[in-house]
C-alpha cells in the first residue's frame, strides 16, 4: 500500500481494494426467519427486551438485550434455547452452534 507523505495514512482506494464484501441474500433471508422465530422462542415479554441482530459465518447467533439482567437470565437458559432453536431452524439448513448475549449494543441496535 502506498503511504502519503511518510505518514501512517494510506490511500482510501488501496483500503477499499482490500475489503472483502461477502453479501449473501440467502443469509439475510435466514436471519429474517430467525428473527421472527426468536419472538416465539423468547415469548412476548422477553422479546421486547431482546432481539436477534446477527448470525456469523460459524453459525453463532448474537442477541442484544436491554440490560445485563435480561442477558444473564437468557444466558442461564442458553442450552435450552439452543436446543429449541435448532429443533425449529432445521428447515433453514443450519445448526446454531452457540448464542452470544450482548447488552452493551442495545442502544446501537434500537
PDB file of N, CA and C in Angstrom:
ATOM      1  N   UNK A   1       0.819  -1.178   0.000  1.00  0.00           N
ATOM      2  CA  UNK A   1       0.000   0.000   0.000  1.00  0.00           C
ATOM      3  C   UNK A   1       0.865   1.245   0.000  1.00  0.00           C
ATOM      4  N   UNK A   2       0.395   2.228  -0.713  1.00  0.00           N
ATOM      5  CA  UNK A   2       1.102   3.498  -0.750  1.00  0.00           C
ATOM      6  C   UNK A   2       0.787   4.292   0.507  1.00  0.00           C
ATOM      7  N   UNK A   3       1.767   5.012   0.967  1.00  0.00           N
ATOM      8  CA  UNK A   3       1.544   5.888   2.107  1.00  0.00           C
ATOM      9  C   UNK A   3       1.749   7.322   1.659  1.00  0.00           C
ATOM     10  N   UNK A   4       1.007   8.206   2.241  1.00  0.00           N
ATOM     11  CA  UNK A   4       1.075   9.618   1.888  1.00  0.00           C
ATOM     12  C   UNK A   4       2.095  10.338   2.749  1.00  0.00           C
ATOM     13  N   UNK A   5       2.992  11.054   2.099  1.00  0.00           N
ATOM     14  CA  UNK A   5       3.929  11.944   2.793  1.00  0.00           C
ATOM     15  C   UNK A   5       4.583  11.325   4.024  1.00  0.00           C
ATOM     16  N   UNK A   6       5.052  10.125   3.906  1.00  0.00           N
ATOM     17  CA  UNK A   6       5.731   9.451   5.015  1.00  0.00           C
ATOM     18  C   UNK A   6       4.913   9.448   6.302  1.00  0.00           C
ATOM     19  N   UNK A   7       3.620   9.339   6.187  1.00  0.00           N
ATOM     20  CA  UNK A   7       2.753   9.308   7.359  1.00  0.00           C
ATOM     21  C   UNK A   7       2.163   7.914   7.531  1.00  0.00           C
ATOM     22  N   UNK A   8       1.320   7.759   8.522  1.00  0.00           N
ATOM     23  CA  UNK A   8       0.666   6.474   8.755  1.00  0.00           C
ATOM     24  C   UNK A   8      -0.611   6.321   7.940  1.00  0.00           C
ATOM     25  N   UNK A   9      -0.989   7.349   7.206  1.00  0.00           N
ATOM     26  CA  UNK A   9      -2.216   7.296   6.418  1.00  0.00           C
ATOM     27  C   UNK A   9      -2.005   6.519   5.131  1.00  0.00           C
ATOM     28  N   UNK A  10      -3.037   5.778   4.748  1.00  0.00           N
ATOM     29  CA  UNK A  10      -2.994   5.029   3.500  1.00  0.00           C
ATOM     30  C   UNK A  10      -4.055   5.589   2.572  1.00  0.00           C
ATOM     31  N   UNK A  11      -3.851   5.412   1.291  1.00  0.00           N
ATOM     32  CA  UNK A  11      -4.832   5.887   0.331  1.00  0.00           C
ATOM     33  C   UNK A  11      -6.127   5.092   0.481  1.00  0.00           C
ATOM     34  N   UNK A  12      -7.226   5.808   0.452  1.00  0.00           N
ATOM     35  CA  UNK A  12      -8.533   5.155   0.629  1.00  0.00           C
ATOM     36  C   UNK A  12      -8.804   4.141  -0.468  1.00  0.00           C
ATOM     37  N   UNK A  13      -8.354   4.411  -1.658  1.00  0.00           N
ATOM     38  CA  UNK A  13      -8.573   3.461  -2.756  1.00  0.00           C
ATOM     39  C   UNK A  13      -7.854   2.147  -2.508  1.00  0.00           C
ATOM     40  N   UNK A  14      -6.695   2.195  -1.841  1.00  0.00           N
ATOM     41  CA  UNK A  14      -5.979   0.968  -1.510  1.00  0.00           C
ATOM     42  C   UNK A  14      -6.705   0.171  -0.426  1.00  0.00           C
ATOM     43  N   UNK A  15      -7.267   0.878   0.523  1.00  0.00           N
ATOM     44  CA  UNK A  15      -8.009   0.224   1.596  1.00  0.00           C
ATOM     45  C   UNK A  15      -9.256  -0.440   1.031  1.00  0.00           C
ATOM     46  N   UNK A  16      -9.970   0.248   0.166  1.00  0.00           N
ATOM     47  CA  UNK A  16     -11.200  -0.286  -0.422  1.00  0.00           C
ATOM     48  C   UNK A  16     -10.922  -1.534  -1.249  1.00  0.00           C
ATOM     49  N   UNK A  17      -9.811  -1.553  -1.959  1.00  0.00           N
ATOM     50  CA  UNK A  17      -9.466  -2.723  -2.772  1.00  0.00           C
ATOM     51  C   UNK A  17      -9.293  -3.975  -1.921  1.00  0.00           C
ATOM     52  N   UNK A  18      -8.864  -3.786  -0.682  1.00  0.00           N
ATOM     53  CA  UNK A  18      -8.601  -4.938   0.178  1.00  0.00           C
ATOM     54  C   UNK A  18      -9.834  -5.426   0.937  1.00  0.00           C
ATOM     55  N   UNK A  19     -10.907  -4.659   0.925  1.00  0.00           N
ATOM     56  CA  UNK A  19     -12.123  -5.085   1.608  1.00  0.00           C
ATOM     57  C   UNK A  19     -12.754  -6.253   0.870  1.00  0.00           C
ATOM     58  N   UNK A  20     -13.248  -7.169   1.624  1.00  0.00           N
ATOM     59  CA  UNK A  20     -13.880  -8.348   1.046  1.00  0.00           C
ATOM     60  C   UNK A  20     -15.357  -8.333   1.429  1.00  0.00           C
ATOM     61  N   UNK A  21     -16.195  -7.944   0.485  1.00  0.00           N
ATOM     62  CA  UNK A  21     -17.629  -7.889   0.753  1.00  0.00           C
ATOM     63  C   UNK A  21     -18.236  -9.248   0.477  1.00  0.00           C
ATOM     64  N   UNK A  22     -18.866  -9.804   1.496  1.00  0.00           N
ATOM     65  CA  UNK A  22     -19.458 -11.138   1.367  1.00  0.00           C
ATOM     66  C   UNK A  22     -20.956 -11.060   1.603  1.00  0.00           C
ATOM     67  N   UNK A  23     -21.636 -10.344   0.770  1.00  0.00           N
ATOM     68  CA  UNK A  23     -23.089 -10.236   0.915  1.00  0.00           C
ATOM     69  C   UNK A  23     -23.748 -11.437   0.267  1.00  0.00           C
ATOM     70  N   UNK A  24     -24.611 -12.064   1.020  1.00  0.00           N
ATOM     71  CA  UNK A  24     -25.331 -13.217   0.513  1.00  0.00           C
ATOM     72  C   UNK A  24     -26.810 -13.013   0.849  1.00  0.00           C
ATOM     73  N   UNK A  25     -27.619 -12.904  -0.159  1.00  0.00           N
ATOM     74  CA  UNK A  25     -29.044 -12.645   0.036  1.00  0.00           C
ATOM     75  C   UNK A  25     -29.701 -13.766   0.831  1.00  0.00           C
ATOM     76  N   UNK A  26     -29.255 -14.976   0.647  1.00  0.00           N
ATOM     77  CA  UNK A  26     -29.806 -16.110   1.380  1.00  0.00           C
ATOM     78  C   UNK A  26     -29.539 -15.968   2.881  1.00  0.00           C
ATOM     79  N   UNK A  27     -28.360 -15.428   3.249  1.00  0.00           N
ATOM     80  CA  UNK A  27     -28.048 -15.204   4.656  1.00  0.00           C
ATOM     81  C   UNK A  27     -29.034 -14.228   5.279  1.00  0.00           C
ATOM     82  N   UNK A  28     -29.403 -13.197   4.547  1.00  0.00           N
ATOM     83  CA  UNK A  28     -30.371 -12.218   5.047  1.00  0.00           C
ATOM     84  C   UNK A  28     -31.739 -12.866   5.255  1.00  0.00           C
ATOM     85  N   UNK A  29     -32.104 -13.768   4.368  1.00  0.00           N
ATOM     86  CA  UNK A  29     -33.380 -14.472   4.493  1.00  0.00           C
ATOM     87  C   UNK A  29     -33.374 -15.347   5.750  1.00  0.00           C
ATOM     88  N   UNK A  30     -32.288 -16.064   5.963  1.00  0.00           N
ATOM     89  CA  UNK A  30     -32.160 -16.923   7.141  1.00  0.00           C
ATOM     90  C   UNK A  30     -32.228 -16.089   8.412  1.00  0.00           C
ATOM     91  N   UNK A  31     -31.505 -14.964   8.430  1.00  0.00           N
ATOM     92  CA  UNK A  31     -31.513 -14.099   9.602  1.00  0.00           C
ATOM     93  C   UNK A  31     -32.921 -13.561   9.863  1.00  0.00           C
ATOM     94  N   UNK A  32     -33.623 -13.203   8.815  1.00  0.00           N
ATOM     95  CA  UNK A  32     -35.001 -12.730   8.959  1.00  0.00           C
ATOM     96  C   UNK A  32     -35.911 -13.786   9.570  1.00  0.00           C
ATOM     97  N   UNK A  33     -35.748 -15.020   9.133  1.00  0.00           N
ATOM     98  CA  UNK A  33     -36.553 -16.115   9.685  1.00  0.00           C
ATOM     99  C   UNK A  33     -36.214 -16.359  11.157  1.00  0.00           C
ATOM    100  N   UNK A  34     -34.936 -16.294  11.492  1.00  0.00           N
ATOM    101  CA  UNK A  34     -34.523 -16.494  12.886  1.00  0.00           C
ATOM    102  C   UNK A  34     -35.063 -15.368  13.758  1.00  0.00           C
ATOM    103  N   UNK A  35     -35.059 -14.136  13.234  1.00  0.00           N
ATOM    104  CA  UNK A  35     -35.610 -13.003  13.991  1.00  0.00           C
ATOM    105  C   UNK A  35     -37.088 -13.221  14.299  1.00  0.00           C
ATOM    106  N   UNK A  36     -37.838 -13.682  13.304  1.00  0.00           N
ATOM    107  CA  UNK A  36     -39.256 -13.964  13.523  1.00  0.00           C
ATOM    108  C   UNK A  36     -39.439 -15.065  14.570  1.00  0.00           C
ATOM    109  N   UNK A  37     -38.605 -16.074  14.448  1.00  0.00           N
ATOM    110  CA  UNK A  37     -38.712 -17.217  15.345  1.00  0.00           C
ATOM    111  C   UNK A  37     -38.335 -16.844  16.772  1.00  0.00           C
ATOM    112  N   UNK A  38     -37.399 -15.907  16.947  1.00  0.00           N
ATOM    113  CA  UNK A  38     -36.971 -15.508  18.282  1.00  0.00           C
ATOM    114  C   UNK A  38     -38.152 -15.014  19.120  1.00  0.00           C
ATOM    115  N   UNK A  39     -39.080 -14.308  18.510  1.00  0.00           N
ATOM    116  CA  UNK A  39     -40.250 -13.810  19.223  1.00  0.00           C
ATOM    117  C   UNK A  39     -41.051 -14.971  19.802  1.00  0.00           C
ATOM    118  N   UNK A  40     -41.161 -16.048  19.062  1.00  0.00           N
ATOM    119  CA  UNK A  40     -41.878 -17.227  19.544  1.00  0.00           C
ATOM    120  C   UNK A  40     -41.088 -17.916  20.657  1.00  0.00           C
ATOM    121  N   UNK A  41     -39.773 -18.008  20.475  1.00  0.00           N
ATOM    122  CA  UNK A  41     -38.929 -18.698  21.449  1.00  0.00           C
ATOM    123  C   UNK A  41     -38.901 -17.943  22.772  1.00  0.00           C
ATOM    124  N   UNK A  42     -38.657 -16.646  22.707  1.00  0.00           N
ATOM    125  CA  UNK A  42     -38.493 -15.851  23.925  1.00  0.00           C
ATOM    126  C   UNK A  42     -39.813 -15.448  24.554  1.00  0.00           C
ATOM    127  N   UNK A  43     -40.875 -15.444  23.780  1.00  0.00           N
ATOM    128  CA  UNK A  43     -42.160 -15.001  24.292  1.00  0.00           C
ATOM    129  C   UNK A  43     -42.289 -13.489  24.153  1.00  0.00           C
ATOM    130  N   UNK A  44     -43.499 -12.998  24.316  1.00  0.00           N
ATOM    131  CA  UNK A  44     -43.772 -11.578  24.118  1.00  0.00           C
ATOM    132  C   UNK A  44     -43.008 -10.683  25.087  1.00  0.00           C
ATOM    133  N   UNK A  45     -42.942 -11.068  26.354  1.00  0.00           N
ATOM    134  CA  UNK A  45     -42.285 -10.215  27.346  1.00  0.00           C
ATOM    135  C   UNK A  45     -40.783 -10.110  27.100  1.00  0.00           C
ATOM    136  N   UNK A  46     -40.111 -11.224  26.992  1.00  0.00           N
ATOM    137  CA  UNK A  46     -38.651 -11.204  26.822  1.00  0.00           C
ATOM    138  C   UNK A  46     -38.262 -10.659  25.450  1.00  0.00           C
ATOM    139  N   UNK A  47     -39.056 -10.936  24.425  1.00  0.00           N
ATOM    140  CA  UNK A  47     -38.683 -10.460  23.083  1.00  0.00           C
ATOM    141  C   UNK A  47     -38.770  -8.940  22.957  1.00  0.00           C
ATOM    142  N   UNK A  48     -39.463  -8.271  23.870  1.00  0.00           N
ATOM    143  CA  UNK A  48     -39.448  -6.806  23.853  1.00  0.00           C
ATOM    144  C   UNK A  48     -38.142  -6.260  24.436  1.00  0.00           C
ATOM    145  N   UNK A  49     -37.427  -7.090  25.189  1.00  0.00           N
ATOM    146  CA  UNK A  49     -36.169  -6.678  25.803  1.00  0.00           C
ATOM    147  C   UNK A  49     -34.950  -7.338  25.169  1.00  0.00           C
ATOM    148  N   UNK A  50     -35.162  -8.078  24.088  1.00  0.00           N
ATOM    149  CA  UNK A  50     -34.055  -8.754  23.405  1.00  0.00           C
ATOM    150  C   UNK A  50     -34.403  -8.914  21.933  1.00  0.00           C
ATOM    151  N   UNK A  51     -33.365  -8.964  21.106  1.00  0.00           N
ATOM    152  CA  UNK A  51     -33.613  -9.221  19.686  1.00  0.00           C
ATOM    153  C   UNK A  51     -32.363  -9.786  19.020  1.00  0.00           C
ATOM    154  N   UNK A  52     -32.609 -10.563  17.992  1.00  0.00           N
ATOM    155  CA  UNK A  52     -31.530 -11.161  17.200  1.00  0.00           C
ATOM    156  C   UNK A  52     -30.967 -10.088  16.283  1.00  0.00           C
ATOM    157  N   UNK A  53     -29.635  -9.974  16.245  1.00  0.00           N
ATOM    158  CA  UNK A  53     -29.044  -8.991  15.334  1.00  0.00           C
ATOM    159  C   UNK A  53     -28.111  -9.601  14.299  1.00  0.00           C
ATOM    160  N   UNK A  54     -27.596 -10.807  14.572  1.00  0.00           N
ATOM    161  CA  UNK A  54     -26.605 -11.338  13.644  1.00  0.00           C
ATOM    162  C   UNK A  54     -26.452 -12.837  13.823  1.00  0.00           C
ATOM    163  N   UNK A  55     -26.071 -13.481  12.732  1.00  0.00           N
ATOM    164  CA  UNK A  55     -25.595 -14.862  12.808  1.00  0.00           C
ATOM    165  C   UNK A  55     -24.313 -14.908  12.003  1.00  0.00           C
ATOM    166  N   UNK A  56     -23.242 -15.360  12.628  1.00  0.00           N
ATOM    167  CA  UNK A  56     -21.922 -15.335  11.999  1.00  0.00           C
ATOM    168  C   UNK A  56     -21.772 -16.463  10.989  1.00  0.00           C
ATOM    169  N   UNK A  57     -20.656 -16.429  10.274  1.00  0.00           N
ATOM    170  CA  UNK A  57     -20.350 -17.497   9.325  1.00  0.00           C
ATOM    171  C   UNK A  57     -20.206 -18.836  10.033  1.00  0.00           C
ATOM    172  N   UNK A  58     -19.834 -18.786  11.315  1.00  0.00           N
ATOM    173  CA  UNK A  58     -19.665 -20.002  12.118  1.00  0.00           C
ATOM    174  C   UNK A  58     -20.955 -20.422  12.807  1.00  0.00           C
ATOM    175  N   UNK A  59     -22.076 -19.799  12.404  1.00  0.00           N
ATOM    176  CA  UNK A  59     -23.404 -20.079  12.969  1.00  0.00           C
ATOM    177  C   UNK A  59     -23.491 -19.792  14.466  1.00  0.00           C
ATOM    178  N   UNK A  60     -22.898 -18.672  14.863  1.00  0.00           N
ATOM    179  CA  UNK A  60     -23.038 -18.192  16.235  1.00  0.00           C
ATOM    180  C   UNK A  60     -24.026 -17.041  16.203  1.00  0.00           C
ATOM    181  N   UNK A  61     -25.086 -17.189  16.947  1.00  0.00           N
ATOM    182  CA  UNK A  61     -26.170 -16.217  16.973  1.00  0.00           C
ATOM    183  C   UNK A  61     -25.865 -15.137  18.004  1.00  0.00           C
ATOM    184  N   UNK A  62     -26.046 -13.872  17.627  1.00  0.00           N
ATOM    185  CA  UNK A  62     -25.862 -12.764  18.563  1.00  0.00           C
ATOM    186  C   UNK A  62     -27.209 -12.135  18.853  1.00  0.00           C
ATOM    187  N   UNK A  63     -27.505 -12.033  20.136  1.00  0.00           N
ATOM    188  CA  UNK A  63     -28.759 -11.436  20.586  1.00  0.00           C
ATOM    189  C   UNK A  63     -28.413 -10.271  21.506  1.00  0.00           C
ATOM    190  N   UNK A  64     -28.979  -9.096  21.208  1.00  0.00           N
ATOM    191  CA  UNK A  64     -28.769  -7.949  22.088  1.00  0.00           C
ATOM    192  C   UNK A  64     -29.910  -7.901  23.097  1.00  0.00           C
ATOM    193  N   UNK A  65     -29.572  -7.471  24.293  1.00  0.00           N
ATOM    194  CA  UNK A  65     -30.539  -7.405  25.386  1.00  0.00           C
ATOM    195  C   UNK A  65     -30.553  -5.993  25.956  1.00  0.00           C
ATOM    196  N   UNK A  66     -31.682  -5.614  26.531  1.00  0.00           N
ATOM    197  CA  UNK A  66     -31.837  -4.253  27.032  1.00  0.00           C
ATOM    198  C   UNK A  66     -30.938  -3.950  28.228  1.00  0.00           C
ATOM    199  N   UNK A  67     -30.602  -4.971  29.003  1.00  0.00           N
ATOM    200  CA  UNK A  67     -29.700  -4.760  30.133  1.00  0.00           C
ATOM    201  C   UNK A  67     -29.040  -6.077  30.531  1.00  0.00           C
ATOM    202  N   UNK A  68     -28.134  -5.998  31.495  1.00  0.00           N
ATOM    203  CA  UNK A  68     -27.374  -7.182  31.898  1.00  0.00           C
ATOM    204  C   UNK A  68     -28.259  -8.222  32.585  1.00  0.00           C
ATOM    205  N   UNK A  69     -29.321  -7.797  33.229  1.00  0.00           N
ATOM    206  CA  UNK A  69     -30.229  -8.738  33.890  1.00  0.00           C
ATOM    207  C   UNK A  69     -30.874  -9.674  32.868  1.00  0.00           C
ATOM    208  N   UNK A  70     -31.382  -9.099  31.780  1.00  0.00           N
ATOM    209  CA  UNK A  70     -32.010  -9.905  30.725  1.00  0.00           C
ATOM    210  C   UNK A  70     -30.969 -10.824  30.091  1.00  0.00           C
ATOM    211  N   UNK A  71     -29.782 -10.274  29.818  1.00  0.00           N
ATOM    212  CA  UNK A  71     -28.709 -11.081  29.220  1.00  0.00           C
ATOM    213  C   UNK A  71     -28.348 -12.260  30.120  1.00  0.00           C
ATOM    214  N   UNK A  72     -28.265 -12.019  31.419  1.00  0.00           N
ATOM    215  CA  UNK A  72     -27.927 -13.080  32.362  1.00  0.00           C
ATOM    216  C   UNK A  72     -29.016 -14.146  32.435  1.00  0.00           C
ATOM    217  N   UNK A  73     -30.258 -13.729  32.472  1.00  0.00           N
ATOM    218  CA  UNK A  73     -31.367 -14.688  32.514  1.00  0.00           C
ATOM    219  C   UNK A  73     -31.385 -15.564  31.261  1.00  0.00           C
ATOM    220  N   UNK A  74     -31.149 -14.941  30.103  1.00  0.00           N
ATOM    221  CA  UNK A  74     -31.111 -15.718  28.865  1.00  0.00           C
ATOM    222  C   UNK A  74     -29.889 -16.632  28.836  1.00  0.00           C
ATOM    223  N   UNK A  75     -28.771 -16.150  29.348  1.00  0.00           N
ATOM    224  CA  UNK A  75     -27.556 -16.972  29.399  1.00  0.00           C
ATOM    225  C   UNK A  75     -27.791 -18.237  30.238  1.00  0.00           C
ATOM    226  N   UNK A  76     -28.513 -18.090  31.333  1.00  0.00           N
ATOM    227  CA  UNK A  76     -28.796 -19.252  32.186  1.00  0.00           C
ATOM    228  C   UNK A  76     -29.646 -20.293  31.466  1.00  0.00           C
ATOM    229  N   UNK A  77     -30.406 -19.863  30.477  1.00  0.00           N
ATOM    230  CA  UNK A  77     -31.257 -20.772  29.703  1.00  0.00           C
ATOM    231  C   UNK A  77     -30.661 -21.085  28.322  1.00  0.00           C
ATOM    232  N   UNK A  78     -29.404 -20.757  28.130  1.00  0.00           N
ATOM    233  CA  UNK A  78     -28.778 -20.876  26.804  1.00  0.00           C
ATOM    234  C   UNK A  78     -28.886 -22.279  26.202  1.00  0.00           C
ATOM    235  N   UNK A  79     -28.607 -23.298  26.963  1.00  0.00           N
ATOM    236  CA  UNK A  79     -28.647 -24.668  26.430  1.00  0.00           C
ATOM    237  C   UNK A  79     -30.054 -25.049  25.979  1.00  0.00           C
ATOM    238  N   UNK A  80     -31.051 -24.664  26.764  1.00  0.00           N
ATOM    239  CA  UNK A  80     -32.438 -24.931  26.368  1.00  0.00           C
ATOM    240  C   UNK A  80     -32.809 -24.127  25.127  1.00  0.00           C
ATOM    241  N   UNK A  81     -32.377 -22.874  25.079  1.00  0.00           N
ATOM    242  CA  UNK A  81     -32.653 -22.035  23.909  1.00  0.00           C
ATOM    243  C   UNK A  81     -32.002 -22.606  22.657  1.00  0.00           C
ATOM    244  N   UNK A  82     -30.744 -23.051  22.788  1.00  0.00           N
ATOM    245  CA  UNK A  82     -30.041 -23.654  21.641  1.00  0.00           C
ATOM    246  C   UNK A  82     -30.775 -24.887  21.133  1.00  0.00           C
ATOM    247  N   UNK A  83     -31.168 -25.738  22.046  1.00  0.00           N
ATOM    248  CA  UNK A  83     -31.869 -26.963  21.664  1.00  0.00           C
ATOM    249  C   UNK A  83     -33.181 -26.634  20.948  1.00  0.00           C
ATOM    250  N   UNK A  84     -33.939 -25.716  21.514  1.00  0.00           N
ATOM    251  CA  UNK A  84     -35.230 -25.343  20.941  1.00  0.00           C
ATOM    252  C   UNK A  84     -35.058 -24.644  19.596  1.00  0.00           C
ATOM    253  N   UNK A  85     -34.085 -23.738  19.510  1.00  0.00           N
ATOM    254  CA  UNK A  85     -33.835 -23.021  18.254  1.00  0.00           C
ATOM    255  C   UNK A  85     -33.429 -24.002  17.155  1.00  0.00           C
ATOM    256  N   UNK A  86     -32.486 -24.882  17.459  1.00  0.00           N
ATOM    257  CA  UNK A  86     -32.007 -25.824  16.442  1.00  0.00           C
ATOM    258  C   UNK A  86     -33.096 -26.784  15.989  1.00  0.00           C
ATOM    259  N   UNK A  87     -33.953 -27.162  16.886  1.00  0.00           N
ATOM    260  CA  UNK A  87     -35.064 -28.038  16.533  1.00  0.00           C
ATOM    261  C   UNK A  87     -35.976 -27.368  15.505  1.00  0.00           C
ATOM    262  N   UNK A  88     -36.108 -26.059  15.624  1.00  0.00           N
ATOM    263  CA  UNK A  88     -37.043 -25.340  14.769  1.00  0.00           C
ATOM    264  C   UNK A  88     -36.416 -24.637  13.571  1.00  0.00           C
ATOM    265  N   UNK A  89     -35.098 -24.571  13.478  1.00  0.00           N
ATOM    266  CA  UNK A  89     -34.475 -23.950  12.297  1.00  0.00           C
ATOM    267  C   UNK A  89     -33.861 -24.986  11.359  1.00  0.00           C
ATOM    268  N   UNK A  90     -34.132 -26.239  11.624  1.00  0.00           N
ATOM    269  CA  UNK A  90     -33.607 -27.294  10.750  1.00  0.00           C
ATOM    270  C   UNK A  90     -34.028 -27.092   9.306  1.00  0.00           C
ATOM    271  N   UNK A  91     -35.242 -26.619   9.098  1.00  0.00           N
ATOM    272  CA  UNK A  91     -35.742 -26.441   7.729  1.00  0.00           C
ATOM    273  C   UNK A  91     -34.993 -25.332   6.981  1.00  0.00           C
ATOM    274  N   UNK A  92     -34.234 -24.490   7.708  1.00  0.00           N
ATOM    275  CA  UNK A  92     -33.423 -23.454   7.061  1.00  0.00           C
ATOM    276  C   UNK A  92     -32.063 -23.989   6.628  1.00  0.00           C
ATOM    277  N   UNK A  93     -31.746 -25.205   7.042  1.00  0.00           N
ATOM    278  CA  UNK A  93     -30.485 -25.832   6.653  1.00  0.00           C
ATOM    279  C   UNK A  93     -29.289 -25.380   7.459  1.00  0.00           C
ATOM    280  N   UNK A  94     -29.510 -24.914   8.684  1.00  0.00           N
ATOM    281  CA  UNK A  94     -28.385 -24.501   9.520  1.00  0.00           C
ATOM    282  C   UNK A  94     -28.523 -25.127  10.903  1.00  0.00           C
ATOM    283  N   UNK A  95     -27.413 -25.139  11.609  1.00  0.00           N
ATOM    284  CA  UNK A  95     -27.387 -25.549  13.004  1.00  0.00           C
ATOM    285  C   UNK A  95     -26.704 -24.421  13.768  1.00  0.00           C
ATOM    286  N   UNK A  96     -27.389 -23.860  14.736  1.00  0.00           N
ATOM    287  CA  UNK A  96     -26.818 -22.787  15.541  1.00  0.00           C
ATOM    288  C   UNK A  96     -25.875 -23.420  16.561  1.00  0.00           C
ATOM    289  N   UNK A  97     -24.604 -23.036  16.517  1.00  0.00           N
ATOM    290  CA  UNK A  97     -23.604 -23.642  17.391  1.00  0.00           C
ATOM    291  C   UNK A  97     -23.546 -23.007  18.769  1.00  0.00           C
ATOM    292  N   UNK A  98     -23.824 -21.708  18.820  1.00  0.00           N
ATOM    293  CA  UNK A  98     -23.724 -21.002  20.100  1.00  0.00           C
ATOM    294  C   UNK A  98     -24.574 -19.741  20.034  1.00  0.00           C
ATOM    295  N   UNK A  99     -24.874 -19.198  21.191  1.00  0.00           N
ATOM    296  CA  UNK A  99     -25.611 -17.938  21.281  1.00  0.00           C
ATOM    297  C   UNK A  99     -24.816 -16.996  22.166  1.00  0.00           C
ATOM    298  N   UNK A 100     -24.577 -15.798  21.682  1.00  0.00           N
ATOM    299  CA  UNK A 100     -23.917 -14.752  22.456  1.00  0.00           C
ATOM    300  C   UNK A 100     -24.957 -13.706  22.824  1.00  0.00           C
ATOM    301  N   UNK A 101     -24.940 -13.273  24.068  1.00  0.00           N
ATOM    302  CA  UNK A 101     -25.863 -12.250  24.537  1.00  0.00           C
ATOM    303  C   UNK A 101     -25.067 -10.983  24.829  1.00  0.00           C
ATOM    304  N   UNK A 102     -25.512  -9.871  24.268  1.00  0.00           N
ATOM    305  CA  UNK A 102     -24.780  -8.620  24.399  1.00  0.00           C
ATOM    306  C   UNK A 102     -25.745  -7.516  24.808  1.00  0.00           C
ATOM    307  N   UNK A 103     -25.545  -6.934  25.964  1.00  0.00           N
ATOM    308  CA  UNK A 103     -26.418  -5.839  26.398  1.00  0.00           C
ATOM    309  C   UNK A 103     -25.805  -4.474  26.108  1.00  0.00           C
ATOM    310  N   UNK A 104     -24.518  -4.437  25.811  1.00  0.00           N
ATOM    311  CA  UNK A 104     -23.853  -3.161  25.547  1.00  0.00           C
ATOM    312  C   UNK A 104     -24.235  -2.572  24.191  1.00  0.00           C
ATOM    313  N   UNK A 105     -24.670  -3.406  23.267  1.00  0.00           N
ATOM    314  CA  UNK A 105     -25.033  -2.927  21.924  1.00  0.00           C
ATOM    315  C   UNK A 105     -26.511  -2.579  21.785  1.00  0.00           C
ATOM    316  N   UNK A 106     -27.277  -2.695  22.855  1.00  0.00           N
ATOM    317  CA  UNK A 106     -28.715  -2.471  22.787  1.00  0.00           C
ATOM    318  C   UNK A 106     -29.063  -1.102  22.211  1.00  0.00           C
ATOM    319  N   UNK A 107     -28.442  -0.057  22.697  1.00  0.00           N
ATOM    320  CA  UNK A 107     -28.740   1.288  22.236  1.00  0.00           C
ATOM    321  C   UNK A 107     -28.339   1.498  20.789  1.00  0.00           C
ATOM    322  N   UNK A 108     -27.270   0.852  20.354  1.00  0.00           N
ATOM    323  CA  UNK A 108     -26.831   0.949  18.957  1.00  0.00           C
ATOM    324  C   UNK A 108     -27.851   0.338  18.019  1.00  0.00           C
ATOM    325  N   UNK A 109     -28.464  -0.762  18.419  1.00  0.00           N
ATOM    326  CA  UNK A 109     -29.345  -1.523  17.549  1.00  0.00           C
ATOM    327  C   UNK A 109     -30.794  -1.069  17.623  1.00  0.00           C
ATOM    328  N   UNK A 110     -31.133  -0.279  18.587  1.00  0.00           N
ATOM    329  CA  UNK A 110     -32.510   0.134  18.762  1.00  0.00           C
ATOM    330  C   UNK A 110     -32.943   1.134  17.748  1.00  0.00           C
TER     331      UNK A 110
END
